[in-house]
Amino acid sequence: MKRKSKHNKTTYIKFRCTQYEKKLLRIKAKRAGLSISAYCRMAVMEDRIVERLTEEQLEAYKMLVQYHNNFKRISNMFRKRNPRLADEVLRLAQEIKTHLYNFKK
């Protein structure tokens, strides 16, 4: 999420860092879809910086959503015939949902 500023960004700041720190800044900024300067500005203002999901992470997220939905359906199917199994499957669906919430953080 890019923040619009009312002020022109014309002041330059230079600071020293190691090659490792520079690479790390570049990587983290890229993951968040930001320039290094935008990343540093957001970090210093303590704004929330969110990394974009990779294709693999996005696929895993979609798969977990599908698993969650399927296990909820299975739980509902067995509710009358085998309540114990239904509860176990529902617990598994809730565990998957917890992991989905962690994905969003």
PDB file of N, CA and C in Angstrom:
ATOM      1  N   MET A   1       0.843  -1.168   0.000  1.00  0.00           N
ATOM      2  CA  MET A   1       0.000   0.000   0.000  1.00  0.00           C
ATOM      3  C   MET A   1       0.892   1.236   0.000  1.00  0.00           C
ATOM      4  N   LYS A   2       0.768   2.013  -1.035  1.00  0.00           N
ATOM      5  CA  LYS A   2       1.614   3.196  -1.138  1.00  0.00           C
ATOM      6  C   LYS A   2       0.910   4.378  -0.498  1.00  0.00           C
ATOM      7  N   ARG A   3       1.676   5.127   0.248  1.00  0.00           N
ATOM      8  CA  ARG A   3       1.144   6.288   0.942  1.00  0.00           C
ATOM      9  C   ARG A   3       1.439   7.523   0.097  1.00  0.00           C
ATOM     10  N   LYS A   4       0.427   8.336  -0.110  1.00  0.00           N
ATOM     11  CA  LYS A   4       0.641   9.577  -0.845  1.00  0.00           C
ATOM     12  C   LYS A   4       1.066  10.654   0.134  1.00  0.00           C
ATOM     13  N   SER A   5       2.101  11.340  -0.233  1.00  0.00           N
ATOM     14  CA  SER A   5       2.636  12.390   0.625  1.00  0.00           C
ATOM     15  C   SER A   5       2.267  13.752   0.053  1.00  0.00           C
ATOM     16  N   LYS A   6       1.988  14.686   0.937  1.00  0.00           N
ATOM     17  CA  LYS A   6       1.690  16.056   0.510  1.00  0.00           C
ATOM     18  C   LYS A   6       2.969  16.817   0.192  1.00  0.00           C
ATOM     19  N   HIS A   7       4.097  16.280   0.663  1.00  0.00           N
ATOM     20  CA  HIS A   7       5.371  16.957   0.499  1.00  0.00           C
ATOM     21  C   HIS A   7       6.176  16.297  -0.616  1.00  0.00           C
ATOM     22  N   ASN A   8       6.920  17.128  -1.328  1.00  0.00           N
ATOM     23  CA  ASN A   8       7.808  16.582  -2.355  1.00  0.00           C
ATOM     24  C   ASN A   8       8.986  15.904  -1.676  1.00  0.00           C
ATOM     25  N   LYS A   9       9.375  14.809  -2.236  1.00  0.00           N
ATOM     26  CA  LYS A   9      10.510  14.071  -1.677  1.00  0.00           C
ATOM     27  C   LYS A   9      11.773  14.505  -2.410  1.00  0.00           C
ATOM     28  N   THR A  10      12.347  15.624  -1.959  1.00  0.00           N
ATOM     29  CA  THR A  10      13.518  16.170  -2.639  1.00  0.00           C
ATOM     30  C   THR A  10      14.763  16.142  -1.763  1.00  0.00           C
ATOM     31  N   THR A  11      14.629  15.786  -0.509  1.00  0.00           N
ATOM     32  CA  THR A  11      15.776  15.751   0.388  1.00  0.00           C
ATOM     33  C   THR A  11      16.394  14.364   0.338  1.00  0.00           C
ATOM     34  N   TYR A  12      17.701  14.323   0.173  1.00  0.00           N
ATOM     35  CA  TYR A  12      18.406  13.050   0.095  1.00  0.00           C
ATOM     36  C   TYR A  12      19.092  12.751   1.417  1.00  0.00           C
ATOM     37  N   ILE A  13      19.062  11.485   1.777  1.00  0.00           N
ATOM     38  CA  ILE A  13      19.764  11.017   2.970  1.00  0.00           C
ATOM     39  C   ILE A  13      20.648   9.863   2.533  1.00  0.00           C
ATOM     40  N   LYS A  14      21.882   9.908   2.965  1.00  0.00           N
ATOM     41  CA  LYS A  14      22.792   8.804   2.703  1.00  0.00           C
ATOM     42  C   LYS A  14      23.173   8.192   4.035  1.00  0.00           C
ATOM     43  N   PHE A  15      23.293   6.893   4.061  1.00  0.00           N
ATOM     44  CA  PHE A  15      23.805   6.258   5.265  1.00  0.00           C
ATOM     45  C   PHE A  15      24.644   5.061   4.876  1.00  0.00           C
ATOM     46  N   ARG A  16      25.560   4.745   5.731  1.00  0.00           N
ATOM     47  CA  ARG A  16      26.471   3.635   5.470  1.00  0.00           C
ATOM     48  C   ARG A  16      25.881   2.341   6.002  1.00  0.00           C
ATOM     49  N   CYS A  17      26.121   1.291   5.245  1.00  0.00           N
ATOM     50  CA  CYS A  17      25.731  -0.042   5.697  1.00  0.00           C
ATOM     51  C   CYS A  17      26.666  -1.047   5.028  1.00  0.00           C
ATOM     52  N   THR A  18      26.647  -2.247   5.521  1.00  0.00           N
ATOM     53  CA  THR A  18      27.494  -3.289   4.929  1.00  0.00           C
ATOM     54  C   THR A  18      26.851  -3.769   3.633  1.00  0.00           C
ATOM     55  N   GLN A  19      27.609  -4.493   2.837  1.00  0.00           N
ATOM     56  CA  GLN A  19      27.072  -5.072   1.608  1.00  0.00           C
ATOM     57  C   GLN A  19      25.908  -6.010   1.936  1.00  0.00           C
ATOM     58  N   TYR A  20      26.077  -6.758   3.026  1.00  0.00           N
ATOM     59  CA  TYR A  20      25.023  -7.691   3.457  1.00  0.00           C
ATOM     60  C   TYR A  20      23.742  -6.930   3.793  1.00  0.00           C
ATOM     61  N   GLU A  21      23.866  -5.833   4.548  1.00  0.00           N
ATOM     62  CA  GLU A  21      22.691  -5.047   4.915  1.00  0.00           C
ATOM     63  C   GLU A  21      22.012  -4.456   3.677  1.00  0.00           C
ATOM     64  N   LYS A  22      22.820  -4.019   2.725  1.00  0.00           N
ATOM     65  CA  LYS A  22      22.267  -3.449   1.495  1.00  0.00           C
ATOM     66  C   LYS A  22      21.490  -4.507   0.710  1.00  0.00           C
ATOM     67  N   LYS A  23      22.069  -5.709   0.613  1.00  0.00           N
ATOM     68  CA  LYS A  23      21.365  -6.796  -0.077  1.00  0.00           C
ATOM     69  C   LYS A  23      20.073  -7.146   0.643  1.00  0.00           C
ATOM     70  N   LEU A  24      20.137  -7.175   1.965  1.00  0.00           N
ATOM     71  CA  LEU A  24      18.954  -7.501   2.756  1.00  0.00           C
ATOM     72  C   LEU A  24      17.863  -6.449   2.571  1.00  0.00           C
ATOM     73  N   LEU A  25      18.247  -5.178   2.571  1.00  0.00           N
ATOM     74  CA  LEU A  25      17.286  -4.101   2.319  1.00  0.00           C
ATOM     75  C   LEU A  25      16.655  -4.257   0.933  1.00  0.00           C
ATOM     76  N   ARG A  26      17.486  -4.545  -0.059  1.00  0.00           N
ATOM     77  CA  ARG A  26      16.995  -4.710  -1.428  1.00  0.00           C
ATOM     78  C   ARG A  26      16.004  -5.880  -1.509  1.00  0.00           C
ATOM     79  N   ILE A  27      16.349  -7.000  -0.882  1.00  0.00           N
ATOM     80  CA  ILE A  27      15.488  -8.188  -0.912  1.00  0.00           C
ATOM     81  C   ILE A  27      14.162  -7.917  -0.209  1.00  0.00           C
ATOM     82  N   LYS A  28      14.231  -7.333   0.989  1.00  0.00           N
ATOM     83  CA  LYS A  28      13.010  -7.069   1.750  1.00  0.00           C
ATOM     84  C   LYS A  28      12.117  -6.063   1.036  1.00  0.00           C
ATOM     85  N   ALA A  29      12.715  -5.031   0.455  1.00  0.00           N
ATOM     86  CA  ALA A  29      11.941  -4.035  -0.286  1.00  0.00           C
ATOM     87  C   ALA A  29      11.258  -4.684  -1.488  1.00  0.00           C
ATOM     88  N   LYS A  30      11.992  -5.529  -2.187  1.00  0.00           N
ATOM     89  CA  LYS A  30      11.433  -6.202  -3.370  1.00  0.00           C
ATOM     90  C   LYS A  30      10.270  -7.110  -2.983  1.00  0.00           C
ATOM     91  N   ARG A  31      10.437  -7.849  -1.880  1.00  0.00           N
ATOM     92  CA  ARG A  31       9.361  -8.735  -1.409  1.00  0.00           C
ATOM     93  C   ARG A  31       8.091  -7.955  -1.069  1.00  0.00           C
ATOM     94  N   ALA A  32       8.266  -6.734  -0.603  1.00  0.00           N
ATOM     95  CA  ALA A  32       7.121  -5.897  -0.247  1.00  0.00           C
ATOM     96  C   ALA A  32       6.611  -5.090  -1.436  1.00  0.00           C
ATOM     97  N   GLY A  33       7.310  -5.180  -2.567  1.00  0.00           N
ATOM     98  CA  GLY A  33       6.908  -4.434  -3.753  1.00  0.00           C
ATOM     99  C   GLY A  33       7.208  -2.945  -3.634  1.00  0.00           C
ATOM    100  N   LEU A  34       8.281  -2.615  -2.904  1.00  0.00           N
ATOM    101  CA  LEU A  34       8.642  -1.217  -2.667  1.00  0.00           C
ATOM    102  C   LEU A  34      10.057  -0.936  -3.137  1.00  0.00           C
ATOM    103  N   SER A  35      10.359   0.336  -3.321  1.00  0.00           N
ATOM    104  CA  SER A  35      11.743   0.736  -3.558  1.00  0.00           C
ATOM    105  C   SER A  35      12.457   0.700  -2.209  1.00  0.00           C
ATOM    106  N   ILE A  36      13.776   0.721  -2.247  1.00  0.00           N
ATOM    107  CA  ILE A  36      14.533   0.717  -0.992  1.00  0.00           C
ATOM    108  C   ILE A  36      14.206   1.965  -0.174  1.00  0.00           C
ATOM    109  N   SER A  37      14.110   3.116  -0.833  1.00  0.00           N
ATOM    110  CA  SER A  37      13.825   4.349  -0.083  1.00  0.00           C
ATOM    111  C   SER A  37      12.417   4.299   0.523  1.00  0.00           C
ATOM    112  N   ALA A  38      11.438   3.811  -0.222  1.00  0.00           N
ATOM    113  CA  ALA A  38      10.076   3.700   0.317  1.00  0.00           C
ATOM    114  C   ALA A  38      10.047   2.715   1.486  1.00  0.00           C
ATOM    115  N   TYR A  39      10.779   1.625   1.340  1.00  0.00           N
ATOM    116  CA  TYR A  39      10.864   0.634   2.416  1.00  0.00           C
ATOM    117  C   TYR A  39      11.462   1.263   3.676  1.00  0.00           C
ATOM    118  N   CYS A  40      12.558   1.984   3.523  1.00  0.00           N
ATOM    119  CA  CYS A  40      13.210   2.631   4.672  1.00  0.00           C
ATOM    120  C   CYS A  40      12.297   3.674   5.306  1.00  0.00           C
ATOM    121  N   ARG A  41      11.600   4.468   4.483  1.00  0.00           N
ATOM    122  CA  ARG A  41      10.677   5.476   5.025  1.00  0.00           C
ATOM    123  C   ARG A  41       9.575   4.807   5.835  1.00  0.00           C
ATOM    124  N   MET A  42       8.997   3.750   5.297  1.00  0.00           N
ATOM    125  CA  MET A  42       7.927   3.059   6.016  1.00  0.00           C
ATOM    126  C   MET A  42       8.448   2.440   7.308  1.00  0.00           C
ATOM    127  N   ALA A  43       9.648   1.894   7.267  1.00  0.00           N
ATOM    128  CA  ALA A  43      10.226   1.268   8.458  1.00  0.00           C
ATOM    129  C   ALA A  43      10.455   2.306   9.555  1.00  0.00           C
ATOM    130  N   VAL A  44      10.978   3.459   9.183  1.00  0.00           N
ATOM    131  CA  VAL A  44      11.271   4.489  10.189  1.00  0.00           C
ATOM    132  C   VAL A  44       9.978   5.080  10.754  1.00  0.00           C
ATOM    133  N   MET A  45       8.923   5.117   9.969  1.00  0.00           N
ATOM    134  CA  MET A  45       7.637   5.625  10.446  1.00  0.00           C
ATOM    135  C   MET A  45       6.827   4.540  11.148  1.00  0.00           C
ATOM    136  N   GLU A  46       7.418   3.352  11.251  1.00  0.00           N
ATOM    137  CA  GLU A  46       6.802   2.195  11.886  1.00  0.00           C
ATOM    138  C   GLU A  46       5.481   1.804  11.230  1.00  0.00           C
ATOM    139  N   ASP A  47       5.396   2.043   9.912  1.00  0.00           N
ATOM    140  CA  ASP A  47       4.247   1.578   9.144  1.00  0.00           C
ATOM    141  C   ASP A  47       4.353   0.073   8.976  1.00  0.00           C
ATOM    142  N   ARG A  48       3.228  -0.562   8.797  1.00  0.00           N
ATOM    143  CA  ARG A  48       3.218  -2.004   8.594  1.00  0.00           C
ATOM    144  C   ARG A  48       3.698  -2.296   7.169  1.00  0.00           C
ATOM    145  N   ILE A  49       4.727  -3.106   7.068  1.00  0.00           N
ATOM    146  CA  ILE A  49       5.279  -3.480   5.765  1.00  0.00           C
ATOM    147  C   ILE A  49       4.896  -4.937   5.521  1.00  0.00           C
ATOM    148  N   VAL A  50       4.149  -5.160   4.457  1.00  0.00           N
ATOM    149  CA  VAL A  50       3.650  -6.493   4.168  1.00  0.00           C
ATOM    150  C   VAL A  50       4.342  -7.040   2.924  1.00  0.00           C
ATOM    151  N   GLU A  51       4.918  -8.219   3.078  1.00  0.00           N
ATOM    152  CA  GLU A  51       5.543  -8.856   1.924  1.00  0.00           C
ATOM    153  C   GLU A  51       4.465  -9.469   1.033  1.00  0.00           C
ATOM    154  N   ARG A  52       4.693  -9.409  -0.234  1.00  0.00           N
ATOM    155  CA  ARG A  52       3.790 -10.028  -1.188  1.00  0.00           C
ATOM    156  C   ARG A  52       4.022 -11.534  -1.166  1.00  0.00           C
ATOM    157  N   LEU A  53       2.960 -12.292  -1.392  1.00  0.00           N
ATOM    158  CA  LEU A  53       3.095 -13.745  -1.430  1.00  0.00           C
ATOM    159  C   LEU A  53       3.724 -14.174  -2.745  1.00  0.00           C
ATOM    160  N   THR A  54       4.597 -15.168  -2.681  1.00  0.00           N
ATOM    161  CA  THR A  54       5.160 -15.737  -3.898  1.00  0.00           C
ATOM    162  C   THR A  54       4.095 -16.611  -4.547  1.00  0.00           C
ATOM    163  N   GLU A  55       4.325 -17.025  -5.772  1.00  0.00           N
ATOM    164  CA  GLU A  55       3.376 -17.916  -6.460  1.00  0.00           C
ATOM    165  C   GLU A  55       3.181 -19.207  -5.672  1.00  0.00           C
ATOM    166  N   GLU A  56       4.280 -19.748  -5.141  1.00  0.00           N
ATOM    167  CA  GLU A  56       4.195 -21.002  -4.381  1.00  0.00           C
ATOM    168  C   GLU A  56       3.372 -20.806  -3.111  1.00  0.00           C
ATOM    169  N   GLN A  57       3.585 -19.687  -2.423  1.00  0.00           N
ATOM    170  CA  GLN A  57       2.832 -19.406  -1.200  1.00  0.00           C
ATOM    171  C   GLN A  57       1.355 -19.205  -1.514  1.00  0.00           C
ATOM    172  N   LEU A  58       1.071 -18.537  -2.624  1.00  0.00           N
ATOM    173  CA  LEU A  58      -0.310 -18.309  -3.028  1.00  0.00           C
ATOM    174  C   LEU A  58      -0.997 -19.637  -3.345  1.00  0.00           C
ATOM    175  N   GLU A  59      -0.307 -20.516  -4.037  1.00  0.00           N
ATOM    176  CA  GLU A  59      -0.863 -21.844  -4.339  1.00  0.00           C
ATOM    177  C   GLU A  59      -1.113 -22.635  -3.059  1.00  0.00           C
ATOM    178  N   ALA A  60      -0.172 -22.577  -2.117  1.00  0.00           N
ATOM    179  CA  ALA A  60      -0.334 -23.280  -0.838  1.00  0.00           C
ATOM    180  C   ALA A  60      -1.533 -22.719  -0.082  1.00  0.00           C
ATOM    181  N   TYR A  61      -1.696 -21.415  -0.108  1.00  0.00           N
ATOM    182  CA  TYR A  61      -2.830 -20.776   0.569  1.00  0.00           C
ATOM    183  C   TYR A  61      -4.144 -21.265  -0.033  1.00  0.00           C
ATOM    184  N   LYS A  62      -4.233 -21.256  -1.356  1.00  0.00           N
ATOM    185  CA  LYS A  62      -5.452 -21.715  -2.033  1.00  0.00           C
ATOM    186  C   LYS A  62      -5.747 -23.175  -1.704  1.00  0.00           C
ATOM    187  N   MET A  63      -4.693 -23.994  -1.651  1.00  0.00           N
ATOM    188  CA  MET A  63      -4.860 -25.405  -1.339  1.00  0.00           C
ATOM    189  C   MET A  63      -5.374 -25.578   0.095  1.00  0.00           C
ATOM    190  N   LEU A  64      -4.834 -24.813   1.037  1.00  0.00           N
ATOM    191  CA  LEU A  64      -5.304 -24.891   2.421  1.00  0.00           C
ATOM    192  C   LEU A  64      -6.769 -24.465   2.543  1.00  0.00           C
ATOM    193  N   VAL A  65      -7.173 -23.453   1.805  1.00  0.00           N
ATOM    194  CA  VAL A  65      -8.572 -23.023   1.812  1.00  0.00           C
ATOM    195  C   VAL A  65      -9.458 -24.166   1.324  1.00  0.00           C
ATOM    196  N   GLN A  66      -9.040 -24.828   0.250  1.00  0.00           N
ATOM    197  CA  GLN A  66      -9.817 -25.947  -0.296  1.00  0.00           C
ATOM    198  C   GLN A  66      -9.891 -27.092   0.708  1.00  0.00           C
ATOM    199  N   TYR A  67      -8.769 -27.417   1.346  1.00  0.00           N
ATOM    200  CA  TYR A  67      -8.756 -28.479   2.359  1.00  0.00           C
ATOM    201  C   TYR A  67      -9.691 -28.137   3.514  1.00  0.00           C
ATOM    202  N   HIS A  68      -9.620 -26.903   3.963  1.00  0.00           N
ATOM    203  CA  HIS A  68     -10.492 -26.469   5.059  1.00  0.00           C
ATOM    204  C   HIS A  68     -11.951 -26.679   4.695  1.00  0.00           C
ATOM    205  N   ASN A  69     -12.332 -26.209   3.515  1.00  0.00           N
ATOM    206  CA  ASN A  69     -13.720 -26.347   3.079  1.00  0.00           C
ATOM    207  C   ASN A  69     -14.124 -27.814   2.960  1.00  0.00           C
ATOM    208  N   ASN A  70     -13.251 -28.647   2.400  1.00  0.00           N
ATOM    209  CA  ASN A  70     -13.561 -30.067   2.245  1.00  0.00           C
ATOM    210  C   ASN A  70     -13.737 -30.756   3.592  1.00  0.00           C
ATOM    211  N   PHE A  71     -12.852 -30.467   4.543  1.00  0.00           N
ATOM    212  CA  PHE A  71     -12.965 -31.102   5.855  1.00  0.00           C
ATOM    213  C   PHE A  71     -14.225 -30.649   6.591  1.00  0.00           C
ATOM    214  N   LYS A  72     -14.618 -29.403   6.416  1.00  0.00           N
ATOM    215  CA  LYS A  72     -15.878 -28.938   7.020  1.00  0.00           C
ATOM    216  C   LYS A  72     -17.053 -29.703   6.423  1.00  0.00           C
ATOM    217  N   ARG A  73     -17.048 -29.924   5.117  1.00  0.00           N
ATOM    218  CA  ARG A  73     -18.126 -30.684   4.462  1.00  0.00           C
ATOM    219  C   ARG A  73     -18.158 -32.126   4.960  1.00  0.00           C
ATOM    220  N   ILE A  74     -16.985 -32.733   5.061  1.00  0.00           N
ATOM    221  CA  ILE A  74     -16.897 -34.119   5.553  1.00  0.00           C
ATOM    222  C   ILE A  74     -17.441 -34.195   6.980  1.00  0.00           C
ATOM    223  N   SER A  75     -17.070 -33.234   7.806  1.00  0.00           N
ATOM    224  CA  SER A  75     -17.550 -33.190   9.185  1.00  0.00           C
ATOM    225  C   SER A  75     -19.075 -33.118   9.221  1.00  0.00           C
ATOM    226  N   ASN A  76     -19.641 -32.285   8.381  1.00  0.00           N
ATOM    227  CA  ASN A  76     -21.104 -32.159   8.332  1.00  0.00           C
ATOM    228  C   ASN A  76     -21.772 -33.453   7.868  1.00  0.00           C
ATOM    229  N   MET A  77     -21.129 -34.165   6.949  1.00  0.00           N
ATOM    230  CA  MET A  77     -21.686 -35.434   6.451  1.00  0.00           C
ATOM    231  C   MET A  77     -21.762 -36.483   7.559  1.00  0.00           C
ATOM    232  N   PHE A  78     -20.747 -36.528   8.415  1.00  0.00           N
ATOM    233  CA  PHE A  78     -20.673 -37.557   9.449  1.00  0.00           C
ATOM    234  C   PHE A  78     -21.297 -37.134  10.777  1.00  0.00           C
ATOM    235  N   ARG A  79     -21.861 -35.951  10.850  1.00  0.00           N
ATOM    236  CA  ARG A  79     -22.379 -35.417  12.103  1.00  0.00           C
ATOM    237  C   ARG A  79     -23.363 -36.383  12.781  1.00  0.00           C
ATOM    238  N   LYS A  80     -24.304 -36.959  12.037  1.00  0.00           N
ATOM    239  CA  LYS A  80     -25.321 -37.839  12.632  1.00  0.00           C
ATOM    240  C   LYS A  80     -24.827 -39.277  12.776  1.00  0.00           C
ATOM    241  N   ARG A  81     -24.090 -39.775  11.785  1.00  0.00           N
ATOM    242  CA  ARG A  81     -23.652 -41.180  11.797  1.00  0.00           C
ATOM    243  C   ARG A  81     -22.537 -41.449  12.795  1.00  0.00           C
ATOM    244  N   ASN A  82     -21.556 -40.546  12.831  1.00  0.00           N
ATOM    245  CA  ASN A  82     -20.401 -40.769  13.699  1.00  0.00           C
ATOM    246  C   ASN A  82     -19.935 -39.413  14.254  1.00  0.00           C
ATOM    247  N   PRO A  83     -20.586 -38.953  15.334  1.00  0.00           N
ATOM    248  CA  PRO A  83     -20.263 -37.625  15.880  1.00  0.00           C
ATOM    249  C   PRO A  83     -18.798 -37.493  16.311  1.00  0.00           C
ATOM    250  N   ARG A  84     -18.221 -38.570  16.780  1.00  0.00           N
ATOM    251  CA  ARG A  84     -16.832 -38.526  17.229  1.00  0.00           C
ATOM    252  C   ARG A  84     -15.882 -38.231  16.053  1.00  0.00           C
ATOM    253  N   LEU A  85     -16.106 -38.940  14.953  1.00  0.00           N
ATOM    254  CA  LEU A  85     -15.306 -38.706  13.746  1.00  0.00           C
ATOM    255  C   LEU A  85     -15.546 -37.287  13.222  1.00  0.00           C
ATOM    256  N   ALA A  86     -16.802 -36.867  13.262  1.00  0.00           N
ATOM    257  CA  ALA A  86     -17.141 -35.522  12.788  1.00  0.00           C
ATOM    258  C   ALA A  86     -16.396 -34.468  13.607  1.00  0.00           C
ATOM    259  N   ASP A  87     -16.331 -34.655  14.924  1.00  0.00           N
ATOM    260  CA  ASP A  87     -15.611 -33.701  15.782  1.00  0.00           C
ATOM    261  C   ASP A  87     -14.124 -33.673  15.468  1.00  0.00           C
ATOM    262  N   GLU A  88     -13.551 -34.855  15.218  1.00  0.00           N
ATOM    263  CA  GLU A  88     -12.116 -34.938  14.892  1.00  0.00           C
ATOM    264  C   GLU A  88     -11.817 -34.225  13.571  1.00  0.00           C
ATOM    265  N   VAL A  89     -12.666 -34.447  12.589  1.00  0.00           N
ATOM    266  CA  VAL A  89     -12.482 -33.802  11.284  1.00  0.00           C
ATOM    267  C   VAL A  89     -12.670 -32.293  11.414  1.00  0.00           C
ATOM    268  N   LEU A  90     -13.623 -31.880  12.242  1.00  0.00           N
ATOM    269  CA  LEU A  90     -13.858 -30.458  12.456  1.00  0.00           C
ATOM    270  C   LEU A  90     -12.651 -29.809  13.141  1.00  0.00           C
ATOM    271  N   ARG A  91     -12.024 -30.517  14.085  1.00  0.00           N
ATOM    272  CA  ARG A  91     -10.810 -30.000  14.732  1.00  0.00           C
ATOM    273  C   ARG A  91      -9.698 -29.805  13.705  1.00  0.00           C
ATOM    274  N   LEU A  92      -9.594 -30.751  12.781  1.00  0.00           N
ATOM    275  CA  LEU A  92      -8.590 -30.626  11.727  1.00  0.00           C
ATOM    276  C   LEU A  92      -8.879 -29.399  10.852  1.00  0.00           C
ATOM    277  N   ALA A  93     -10.149 -29.184  10.528  1.00  0.00           N
ATOM    278  CA  ALA A  93     -10.533 -28.013   9.726  1.00  0.00           C
ATOM    279  C   ALA A  93     -10.179 -26.723  10.471  1.00  0.00           C
ATOM    280  N   GLN A  94     -10.384 -26.698  11.782  1.00  0.00           N
ATOM    281  CA  GLN A  94     -10.062 -25.516  12.579  1.00  0.00           C
ATOM    282  C   GLN A  94      -8.555 -25.288  12.622  1.00  0.00           C
ATOM    283  N   GLU A  95      -7.792 -26.365  12.692  1.00  0.00           N
ATOM    284  CA  GLU A  95      -6.327 -26.236  12.692  1.00  0.00           C
ATOM    285  C   GLU A  95      -5.845 -25.639  11.370  1.00  0.00           C
ATOM    286  N   ILE A  96      -6.436 -26.084  10.279  1.00  0.00           N
ATOM    287  CA  ILE A  96      -6.093 -25.529   8.967  1.00  0.00           C
ATOM    288  C   ILE A  96      -6.458 -24.046   8.929  1.00  0.00           C
ATOM    289  N   LYS A  97      -7.615 -23.696   9.501  1.00  0.00           N
ATOM    290  CA  LYS A  97      -8.043 -22.295   9.512  1.00  0.00           C
ATOM    291  C   LYS A  97      -7.048 -21.427  10.288  1.00  0.00           C
ATOM    292  N   THR A  98      -6.512 -21.972  11.377  1.00  0.00           N
ATOM    293  CA  THR A  98      -5.493 -21.255  12.148  1.00  0.00           C
ATOM    294  C   THR A  98      -4.274 -20.966  11.285  1.00  0.00           C
ATOM    295  N   HIS A  99      -3.854 -21.955  10.500  1.00  0.00           N
ATOM    296  CA  HIS A  99      -2.710 -21.749   9.604  1.00  0.00           C
ATOM    297  C   HIS A  99      -3.028 -20.717   8.530  1.00  0.00           C
ATOM    298  N   LEU A 100      -4.269 -20.686   8.085  1.00  0.00           N
ATOM    299  CA  LEU A 100      -4.669 -19.681   7.094  1.00  0.00           C
ATOM    300  C   LEU A 100      -4.572 -18.272   7.676  1.00  0.00           C
ATOM    301  N   TYR A 101      -4.965 -18.099   8.932  1.00  0.00           N
ATOM    302  CA  TYR A 101      -4.838 -16.794   9.581  1.00  0.00           C
ATOM    303  C   TYR A 101      -3.380 -16.393   9.697  1.00  0.00           C
ATOM    304  N   ASN A 102      -2.503 -17.361  10.000  1.00  0.00           N
ATOM    305  CA  ASN A 102      -1.066 -17.088  10.099  1.00  0.00           C
ATOM    306  C   ASN A 102      -0.498 -16.652   8.752  1.00  0.00           C
ATOM    307  N   PHE A 103      -1.051 -17.195   7.673  1.00  0.00           N
ATOM    308  CA  PHE A 103      -0.632 -16.816   6.324  1.00  0.00           C
ATOM    309  C   PHE A 103      -0.857 -15.338   6.105  1.00  0.00           C
ATOM    310  N   LYS A 104      -1.964 -14.823   6.619  1.00  0.00           N
ATOM    311  CA  LYS A 104      -2.339 -13.421   6.381  1.00  0.00           C
ATOM    312  C   LYS A 104      -1.488 -12.446   7.160  1.00  0.00           C
ATOM    313  N   LYS A 105      -0.866 -12.889   8.250  1.00  0.00           N
ATOM    314  CA  LYS A 105      -0.088 -11.986   9.103  1.00  0.00           C
ATOM    315  C   LYS A 105       1.227 -11.638   8.537  1.00  0.00           C
TER     316      LYS A 105
END
